[in-house]
Amino acid sequence: MNANNKLDIRKLDLDQIKEFVISAGQPAFRAKQIYEWLWQKGETSFDGMSNLSKEFREILKNQFEIRSIKLDTIQHSLDGTIKSRFELYDGHKIESVLIPVPVDQRFTLCVSIQVGCSLSCKFCATGQMERIRNLDVAEVYDQYVEVNRQCLVAYGHPLTNVVYMGMGEPLLNYSNTMASIDKLTSPEGLNISPKRITVSTAGIAKMIRRMADEDTKVNLALSLHAADDKKRNMIMPINEQNNLEVLMEALTYFYKKTGNKISYEYIAFKNFNDGIEDAKNLVRLCKSFPVKVNIIEYNPIAGLDFVKSDEDAINKFALHLRKNEVICTIRRSRGKDIDAACGQLANKE
């Protein structure tokens, strides 16, 4: 409850809404109507629920609220990327990014799952923030609804893909991550194909196994960034509890159980992880299951010492992978002029 003693109605499941509807003297089918307004149509006002009587809408308003996120600022990159900062009901802020590739009819939402992050990856602006709290299901859902509207206005096309690669670690907010995916993919929600959703993790082996055991249908991306434990420990403290051997066992388990796509995200840092020996180590990590490597251009962040790799080094690195039958893509930064690129989300004013 908040200070007004009103409950966010989106905290209730369908059965709980039905229970309230009946107690208010309404027919049970009203619950399904309310649920559809909330989770299929993305309605954020009881007044907008036009197939409910005015009297019943007043009852709902007196008893409940809808804690929708509010657009705080929006920035447009020269490359077409759009970054939105949203304010949550408690005043905290998060960022979402729309990454358009109109030529391929591909419009991807990069969604946040936490306010801040607790993992402290040394190269990431979000990692320099403290983790304040987890987002709930509705706050993730709202990011999709709001950015989908932006996409329709800007490009005349709905979102096609969702990546959990924004602020926070999805597998440290596991229940809300999975519940939000359910709202996005279920017929009672937005009915998006789970194959169009990718969850990115810095590597929480126990939770990767849990995803497999629960027969998750979405794709999985490991933020790898170094292919040996010594270097990975230096830039990603999470590796000290989830080393590469443990992670590879968990990913192999995930693939064998689900058959879902797995990719490695690999930011190339100059004179750190972009040499041929690094490429050889990475090849070894690509032999246990089918995997695609996305080599990512580093985006400079104020106060951090990392430098992006030279193009020649990246090309040689990628060539070695391809010669060893590893599928890889070199990804150019999108939205870096508005601090919307990989690792740059930090609620910067």
Protein backbone atom coordinates (compact mmCIF):
# COMPACT_ATOMS: atom_id res chain seq x y z
CA MET A 1 0.00 0.00 0.00
CA ASN A 2 1.09 3.59 -0.55
CA ALA A 3 0.40 6.63 1.59
CA ASN A 4 -3.14 6.79 0.19
CA ASN A 5 -3.73 3.16 1.19
CA LYS A 6 -4.48 2.34 -2.42
CA LEU A 7 -3.14 -0.87 -3.89
CA ASP A 8 -1.69 -0.96 -7.40
CA ILE A 9 -4.28 -3.12 -9.14
CA ARG A 10 -1.58 -4.65 -11.33
CA LYS A 11 -0.23 -6.42 -8.26
CA LEU A 12 -3.35 -8.62 -8.39
CA ASP A 13 -3.75 -11.71 -10.57
CA LEU A 14 -6.94 -12.45 -12.47
CA ASP A 15 -8.46 -14.54 -9.67
CA GLN A 16 -7.84 -11.78 -7.13
CA ILE A 17 -9.43 -9.19 -9.42
CA LYS A 18 -12.40 -11.51 -9.90
CA GLU A 19 -12.76 -11.84 -6.14
CA PHE A 20 -12.90 -8.05 -5.79
CA VAL A 21 -15.31 -7.65 -8.71
CA ILE A 22 -17.78 -10.11 -7.19
CA SER A 23 -17.47 -8.48 -3.76
CA ALA A 24 -18.37 -5.16 -5.42
CA GLY A 25 -21.58 -6.68 -6.76
CA GLN A 26 -20.39 -6.88 -10.37
CA PRO A 27 -20.62 -9.90 -12.68
CA ALA A 28 -17.47 -12.06 -12.68
CA PHE A 29 -16.71 -11.40 -16.37
CA ARG A 30 -15.81 -7.80 -15.49
CA ALA A 31 -12.54 -9.14 -14.06
CA LYS A 32 -11.43 -10.38 -17.48
CA GLN A 33 -12.34 -7.02 -18.99
CA ILE A 34 -10.21 -5.20 -16.43
CA TYR A 35 -7.34 -7.64 -16.95
CA GLU A 36 -7.47 -7.10 -20.70
CA TRP A 37 -7.37 -3.32 -20.26
CA LEU A 38 -4.33 -3.63 -18.01
CA TRP A 39 -2.25 -6.27 -19.82
CA GLN A 40 -3.41 -6.37 -23.45
CA LYS A 41 -4.26 -2.72 -24.09
CA GLY A 42 -1.82 -1.11 -21.65
CA GLU A 43 -4.47 1.20 -20.21
CA THR A 44 -3.16 3.36 -17.36
CA SER A 45 -6.40 5.06 -16.29
CA PHE A 46 -9.62 3.55 -14.96
CA ASP A 47 -11.48 6.29 -16.86
CA GLY A 48 -10.19 4.75 -20.08
CA MET A 49 -11.88 1.42 -19.40
CA SER A 50 -14.88 2.33 -21.52
CA ASN A 51 -16.80 -0.95 -21.29
CA LEU A 52 -17.14 -0.57 -17.51
CA SER A 53 -19.89 1.56 -16.04
CA LYS A 54 -18.94 5.00 -14.73
CA GLU A 55 -20.09 3.95 -11.26
CA PHE A 56 -17.86 0.88 -11.24
CA ARG A 57 -14.91 2.88 -12.52
CA GLU A 58 -15.36 5.22 -9.54
CA ILE A 59 -15.33 2.22 -7.21
CA LEU A 60 -12.08 1.05 -8.79
CA LYS A 61 -10.52 4.52 -8.50
CA ASN A 62 -11.46 4.75 -4.84
CA GLN A 63 -9.94 1.34 -4.06
CA PHE A 64 -6.96 1.04 -6.45
CA GLU A 65 -4.41 2.93 -8.48
CA ILE A 66 -2.34 2.14 -11.58
CA ARG A 67 1.30 3.05 -10.91
CA SER A 68 2.35 3.61 -14.51
CA ILE A 69 5.79 4.92 -15.39
CA LYS A 70 6.02 8.51 -16.67
CA LEU A 71 8.23 9.79 -19.47
CA ASP A 72 10.83 12.12 -17.96
CA THR A 73 13.12 12.91 -20.89
CA ILE A 74 13.59 11.64 -24.44
CA GLN A 75 16.69 11.94 -26.63
CA HIS A 76 17.08 11.25 -30.33
CA SER A 77 20.42 10.06 -31.72
CA LEU A 78 21.71 11.01 -35.14
CA ASP A 79 21.55 7.31 -36.05
CA GLY A 80 17.83 7.05 -35.22
CA THR A 81 18.22 5.50 -31.77
CA ILE A 82 15.81 6.88 -29.16
CA LYS A 83 16.59 6.88 -25.43
CA SER A 84 13.83 7.44 -22.89
CA ARG A 85 14.23 8.13 -19.21
CA PHE A 86 11.18 7.17 -17.17
CA GLU A 87 10.22 8.24 -13.67
CA LEU A 88 8.77 5.54 -11.44
CA TYR A 89 6.02 6.03 -8.84
CA ASP A 90 8.61 6.52 -6.05
CA GLY A 91 10.65 9.10 -7.95
CA HIS A 92 13.46 6.78 -9.08
CA LYS A 93 14.43 6.79 -12.74
CA ILE A 94 15.36 4.21 -15.35
CA GLU A 95 16.25 4.28 -19.03
CA SER A 96 15.03 2.36 -22.06
CA VAL A 97 16.43 2.41 -25.59
CA LEU A 98 14.78 1.91 -28.98
CA ILE A 99 17.26 0.60 -31.53
CA PRO A 100 15.83 0.77 -35.07
CA VAL A 101 17.11 -1.06 -38.14
CA PRO A 102 14.41 -0.04 -40.64
CA VAL A 103 16.12 -1.72 -43.60
CA ASP A 104 15.64 -5.07 -41.87
CA GLN A 105 12.26 -4.13 -40.37
CA ARG A 106 13.84 -4.78 -36.97
CA PHE A 107 12.98 -2.50 -34.06
CA THR A 108 14.47 -3.56 -30.75
CA LEU A 109 13.65 -2.39 -27.24
CA CYS A 110 16.46 -2.53 -24.69
CA VAL A 111 14.63 -2.77 -21.39
CA SER A 112 15.85 -2.09 -17.83
CA ILE A 113 15.11 -4.49 -14.95
CA GLN A 114 16.62 -2.73 -11.92
CA VAL A 115 17.17 0.82 -10.68
CA GLY A 116 20.96 0.81 -10.83
CA CYS A 117 23.03 -2.37 -10.61
CA SER A 118 24.95 -4.27 -7.95
CA LEU A 119 27.53 -6.03 -10.13
CA SER A 120 30.10 -3.21 -10.42
CA CYS A 121 31.50 -4.24 -13.82
CA LYS A 122 34.52 -1.99 -14.26
CA PHE A 123 33.70 -0.81 -17.81
CA CYS A 124 29.98 -0.03 -17.37
CA ALA A 125 28.38 3.27 -16.36
CA THR A 126 25.36 1.50 -14.84
CA GLY A 127 27.78 -0.65 -12.84
CA GLN A 128 29.13 2.48 -11.16
CA MET A 129 25.67 3.18 -9.72
CA GLU A 130 24.32 1.48 -6.62
CA ARG A 131 21.40 -0.90 -6.98
CA ILE A 132 18.46 0.86 -5.38
CA ARG A 133 15.70 -1.67 -6.07
CA ASN A 134 14.26 -4.20 -8.47
CA LEU A 135 11.62 -3.24 -10.99
CA ASP A 136 8.29 -4.99 -10.76
CA VAL A 137 6.44 -6.68 -13.62
CA ALA A 138 4.31 -3.66 -14.51
CA GLU A 139 7.34 -1.34 -14.68
CA VAL A 140 8.96 -3.61 -17.25
CA TYR A 141 5.70 -4.04 -19.17
CA ASP A 142 5.20 -0.26 -19.26
CA GLN A 143 8.59 0.25 -20.88
CA TYR A 144 7.44 -1.95 -23.75
CA VAL A 145 4.09 -0.18 -24.12
CA GLU A 146 5.59 3.31 -24.03
CA VAL A 147 8.50 2.61 -26.38
CA ASN A 148 6.23 0.70 -28.75
CA ARG A 149 4.14 3.88 -29.06
CA GLN A 150 7.29 5.86 -29.81
CA CYS A 151 8.28 3.31 -32.44
CA LEU A 152 4.89 3.53 -34.17
CA VAL A 153 5.10 7.34 -34.26
CA ALA A 154 8.74 7.55 -35.36
CA TYR A 155 8.88 4.59 -37.76
CA GLY A 156 5.30 3.50 -38.44
CA HIS A 157 6.20 0.04 -37.19
CA PRO A 158 5.74 -1.78 -33.88
CA LEU A 159 8.61 -3.19 -31.86
CA THR A 160 9.84 -6.54 -33.15
CA ASN A 161 12.34 -7.58 -30.49
CA VAL A 162 13.06 -7.12 -26.78
CA VAL A 163 16.44 -7.46 -25.09
CA TYR A 164 16.84 -7.41 -21.31
CA MET A 165 20.14 -5.54 -21.63
CA GLY A 166 19.40 -2.19 -20.00
CA MET A 167 20.02 -1.18 -16.41
CA GLY A 168 20.46 -4.06 -13.94
CA GLU A 169 21.04 -7.82 -13.94
CA PRO A 170 17.90 -9.74 -15.01
CA LEU A 171 18.83 -12.93 -13.17
CA LEU A 172 19.19 -11.06 -9.88
CA ASN A 173 15.57 -9.98 -10.30
CA TYR A 174 14.60 -13.41 -11.54
CA SER A 175 10.93 -13.65 -10.54
CA ASN A 176 10.02 -10.26 -12.01
CA THR A 177 12.09 -10.90 -15.14
CA MET A 178 10.24 -14.15 -15.84
CA ALA A 179 6.84 -12.78 -14.85
CA SER A 180 7.32 -9.78 -17.14
CA ILE A 181 8.28 -12.10 -19.99
CA ASP A 182 5.05 -13.99 -19.33
CA LYS A 183 3.06 -10.74 -19.60
CA LEU A 184 4.80 -9.92 -22.89
CA THR A 185 4.39 -13.37 -24.43
CA SER A 186 1.14 -14.86 -23.13
CA PRO A 187 -2.11 -14.68 -25.17
CA GLU A 188 -3.63 -12.86 -22.15
CA GLY A 189 -0.85 -10.28 -22.46
CA LEU A 190 0.85 -8.90 -25.57
CA ASN A 191 1.32 -12.27 -27.30
CA ILE A 192 4.91 -11.63 -28.45
CA SER A 193 6.89 -14.67 -29.57
CA PRO A 194 9.44 -15.63 -26.88
CA LYS A 195 11.93 -16.24 -29.69
CA ARG A 196 12.00 -12.46 -30.15
CA ILE A 197 13.13 -11.91 -26.55
CA THR A 198 16.71 -12.18 -25.29
CA VAL A 199 17.74 -12.13 -21.64
CA SER A 200 21.30 -10.93 -21.08
CA THR A 201 23.21 -11.93 -17.96
CA ALA A 202 26.65 -11.21 -16.57
CA GLY A 203 26.66 -14.88 -15.57
CA ILE A 204 24.63 -16.24 -12.64
CA ALA A 205 25.10 -19.98 -13.14
CA LYS A 206 22.47 -21.12 -10.64
CA MET A 207 19.80 -18.99 -12.30
CA ILE A 208 20.79 -20.07 -15.81
CA ARG A 209 20.12 -23.64 -14.68
CA ARG A 210 16.81 -22.56 -13.19
CA MET A 211 15.82 -21.02 -16.52
CA ALA A 212 16.55 -24.37 -18.16
CA ASP A 213 14.60 -26.34 -15.55
CA GLU A 214 11.60 -24.06 -16.03
CA ASP A 215 11.74 -24.63 -19.80
CA THR A 216 12.20 -20.96 -20.61
CA LYS A 217 11.58 -20.25 -24.30
CA VAL A 218 13.60 -17.04 -24.64
CA ASN A 219 17.12 -16.64 -25.99
CA LEU A 220 20.06 -16.18 -23.64
CA ALA A 221 23.05 -13.85 -23.97
CA LEU A 222 26.12 -14.05 -21.75
CA SER A 223 27.98 -10.79 -21.20
CA LEU A 224 31.37 -12.47 -21.51
CA HIS A 225 33.90 -9.72 -22.36
CA ALA A 226 36.94 -11.85 -21.47
CA ALA A 227 37.62 -15.50 -22.25
CA ASP A 228 39.90 -16.37 -19.34
CA ASP A 229 39.20 -16.14 -15.62
CA LYS A 230 42.12 -13.88 -14.77
CA LYS A 231 41.02 -11.10 -17.11
CA ARG A 232 37.32 -11.60 -16.44
CA ASN A 233 37.91 -11.32 -12.68
CA MET A 234 39.62 -7.98 -13.29
CA ILE A 235 36.63 -6.41 -15.04
CA MET A 236 33.64 -8.41 -13.75
CA PRO A 237 33.68 -9.23 -10.02
CA ILE A 238 30.77 -11.66 -10.50
CA ASN A 239 33.23 -14.04 -12.17
CA GLU A 240 34.87 -14.77 -8.80
CA GLN A 241 31.71 -16.65 -7.73
CA ASN A 242 30.70 -17.80 -11.22
CA ASN A 243 33.91 -18.66 -13.05
CA LEU A 244 34.03 -19.67 -16.70
CA GLU A 245 34.07 -23.41 -16.02
CA VAL A 246 30.92 -23.15 -13.91
CA LEU A 247 29.27 -20.88 -16.46
CA MET A 248 30.08 -23.16 -19.39
CA GLU A 249 28.57 -26.11 -17.51
CA ALA A 250 25.41 -24.09 -16.82
CA LEU A 251 25.14 -22.90 -20.43
CA THR A 252 25.64 -26.43 -21.75
CA TYR A 253 22.88 -27.58 -19.42
CA PHE A 254 20.64 -24.73 -20.63
CA TYR A 255 21.20 -25.60 -24.29
CA LYS A 256 20.65 -29.33 -23.85
CA LYS A 257 17.43 -28.74 -21.90
CA THR A 258 15.92 -25.99 -24.06
CA GLY A 259 17.64 -25.85 -27.44
CA ASN A 260 17.31 -22.05 -27.23
CA LYS A 261 19.79 -19.71 -28.90
CA ILE A 262 22.84 -18.64 -26.89
CA SER A 263 25.11 -15.74 -27.73
CA TYR A 264 28.20 -14.18 -26.18
CA GLU A 265 28.47 -10.41 -25.89
CA TYR A 266 32.14 -9.43 -26.13
CA ILE A 267 33.19 -5.79 -25.78
CA ALA A 268 36.62 -5.30 -27.33
CA PHE A 269 39.03 -3.28 -25.17
CA LYS A 270 42.31 -2.05 -26.64
CA ASN A 271 45.35 -4.08 -25.55
CA PHE A 272 43.30 -6.00 -23.00
CA ASN A 273 41.09 -8.65 -24.58
CA ASP A 274 41.50 -8.07 -28.33
CA GLY A 275 44.61 -10.14 -29.13
CA ILE A 276 44.90 -13.43 -30.98
CA GLU A 277 45.53 -15.31 -27.71
CA ASP A 278 42.24 -13.90 -26.44
CA ALA A 279 40.56 -15.07 -29.65
CA LYS A 280 42.00 -18.56 -29.16
CA ASN A 281 40.60 -18.66 -25.61
CA LEU A 282 37.22 -17.55 -26.93
CA VAL A 283 37.21 -20.26 -29.59
CA ARG A 284 37.61 -22.84 -26.82
CA LEU A 285 34.50 -21.47 -25.11
CA CYS A 286 32.51 -21.90 -28.32
CA LYS A 287 32.95 -25.66 -28.68
CA SER A 288 30.46 -27.04 -26.13
CA PHE A 289 27.24 -25.84 -27.81
CA PRO A 290 26.20 -23.71 -30.81
CA VAL A 291 26.88 -20.08 -30.00
CA LYS A 292 27.11 -16.77 -31.82
CA VAL A 293 29.62 -14.11 -30.74
CA ASN A 294 28.72 -10.42 -30.93
CA ILE A 295 31.90 -8.34 -30.86
CA ILE A 296 30.88 -4.93 -29.55
CA GLU A 297 32.61 -1.61 -29.99
CA TYR A 298 33.41 -0.08 -26.60
CA ASN A 299 31.70 3.19 -25.78
CA PRO A 300 33.89 5.57 -23.74
CA ILE A 301 32.57 6.43 -20.29
CA ALA A 302 33.76 9.41 -18.26
CA GLY A 303 36.03 8.44 -15.39
CA LEU A 304 36.84 4.97 -16.73
CA ASP A 305 40.20 4.10 -18.28
CA PHE A 306 39.15 1.65 -20.98
CA VAL A 307 39.71 2.44 -24.65
CA LYS A 308 37.97 0.83 -27.60
CA SER A 309 39.98 -1.53 -29.78
CA ASP A 310 41.42 -0.43 -33.10
CA GLU A 311 39.36 -1.51 -36.09
CA ASP A 312 42.28 -3.53 -37.43
CA ALA A 313 42.56 -5.47 -34.15
CA ILE A 314 38.82 -6.17 -34.11
CA ASN A 315 38.90 -7.40 -37.71
CA LYS A 316 41.84 -9.73 -37.01
CA PHE A 317 40.09 -11.01 -33.89
CA ALA A 318 36.90 -11.73 -35.84
CA LEU A 319 38.85 -13.37 -38.68
CA HIS A 320 40.45 -15.81 -36.24
CA LEU A 321 37.02 -16.75 -34.88
CA ARG A 322 35.61 -17.29 -38.36
CA LYS A 323 38.60 -19.39 -39.43
CA ASN A 324 37.73 -21.63 -36.49
CA GLU A 325 34.09 -21.89 -37.55
CA VAL A 326 32.74 -19.54 -34.89
CA ILE A 327 29.83 -17.41 -36.08
CA CYS A 328 30.48 -13.80 -35.13
CA THR A 329 29.20 -10.32 -35.87
CA ILE A 330 30.96 -7.01 -35.32
CA ARG A 331 28.39 -4.63 -33.87
CA ARG A 332 28.86 -0.92 -34.29
CA SER A 333 27.66 1.32 -31.50
CA ARG A 334 24.18 2.79 -31.71
CA GLY A 335 23.12 5.90 -29.85
CA LYS A 336 26.49 6.73 -28.33
CA ASP A 337 26.00 10.47 -28.99
CA ILE A 338 23.13 10.40 -26.45
CA ASP A 339 24.76 7.94 -24.00
CA ALA A 340 22.36 5.22 -25.11
CA ALA A 341 24.91 2.65 -26.29
CA CYS A 342 26.03 -0.52 -24.55
CA GLY A 343 27.20 0.21 -20.99
CA GLN A 344 26.28 3.89 -21.04
CA LEU A 345 22.91 3.94 -19.26
CA ALA A 346 23.30 5.92 -16.04
CA ASN A 347 20.43 8.45 -15.83
CA LYS A 348 22.86 11.13 -16.94
CA GLU A 349 21.39 14.62 -16.86
